[in-house]
Amino acid sequence: MAKSKFSENLIRLKCGECKRINYFTRKNKKTSEGKLVIQKYCKWCRAHTKHTETKK
């Protein structure tokens, strides 16, 4: 089975409040350093919270 070129750049985003994994996104590892932090909507918290990058 062929490997997708996007699978190695795929990261998971975890909610800062409830610690659930809500989103998946891609990250360019050459241009960005450190963990990615994005303000996103969490459907369990029902609010906009900070989502941070987690391990695969």
Protein backbone atom coordinates (compact mmCIF):
# COMPACT_ATOMS: atom_id res chain seq x y z
CA MET A 1 0.00 0.00 0.00
CA ALA A 2 1.38 3.40 -0.99
CA LYS A 3 2.17 5.94 1.70
CA SER A 4 0.42 9.30 1.47
CA LYS A 5 2.68 12.32 1.30
CA PHE A 6 0.42 14.12 3.79
CA SER A 7 0.41 11.39 6.45
CA GLU A 8 3.80 12.37 7.84
CA ASN A 9 2.71 16.02 8.24
CA LEU A 10 -0.58 15.11 9.93
CA ILE A 11 -0.94 16.25 13.57
CA ARG A 12 -3.69 15.93 16.17
CA LEU A 13 -5.10 18.90 18.08
CA LYS A 14 -6.18 18.41 21.71
CA CYS A 15 -8.50 20.73 23.65
CA GLY A 16 -6.80 22.57 26.51
CA GLU A 17 -9.87 22.32 28.78
CA CYS A 18 -11.32 18.82 28.40
CA LYS A 19 -8.18 17.18 26.87
CA ARG A 20 -10.12 15.51 24.02
CA ILE A 21 -8.72 15.19 20.52
CA ASN A 22 -11.08 17.14 18.25
CA TYR A 23 -9.19 18.08 15.11
CA PHE A 24 -6.57 16.82 12.68
CA THR A 25 -4.51 19.17 10.54
CA ARG A 26 -1.22 19.38 8.64
CA LYS A 27 1.93 21.22 9.68
CA ASN A 28 4.99 22.25 7.70
CA LYS A 29 7.81 21.06 9.96
CA LYS A 30 10.47 22.94 7.99
CA THR A 31 9.04 26.41 8.62
CA SER A 32 7.41 26.04 12.04
CA GLU A 33 9.17 25.04 15.22
CA GLY A 34 7.62 24.11 18.56
CA LYS A 35 4.07 22.96 19.20
CA LEU A 36 1.19 24.44 17.27
CA VAL A 37 -1.50 26.25 19.33
CA ILE A 38 -4.78 27.25 17.65
CA GLN A 39 -7.99 28.76 19.04
CA LYS A 40 -10.75 26.36 17.88
CA TYR A 41 -14.32 25.42 18.86
CA CYS A 42 -14.72 22.37 21.12
CA LYS A 43 -18.11 20.72 20.82
CA TRP A 44 -17.81 19.07 24.26
CA CYS A 45 -16.88 22.29 26.09
CA ARG A 46 -19.24 24.29 23.84
CA ALA A 47 -16.74 27.14 23.70
CA HIS A 48 -13.71 28.37 21.80
CA THR A 49 -10.61 27.03 23.56
CA LYS A 50 -6.92 26.66 22.82
CA HIS A 51 -6.07 23.44 21.01
CA THR A 52 -2.47 22.23 21.13
CA GLU A 53 -0.54 19.76 19.04
CA THR A 54 -0.18 16.24 20.51
CA LYS A 55 1.79 13.09 19.72
CA LYS A 56 0.50 10.60 17.14
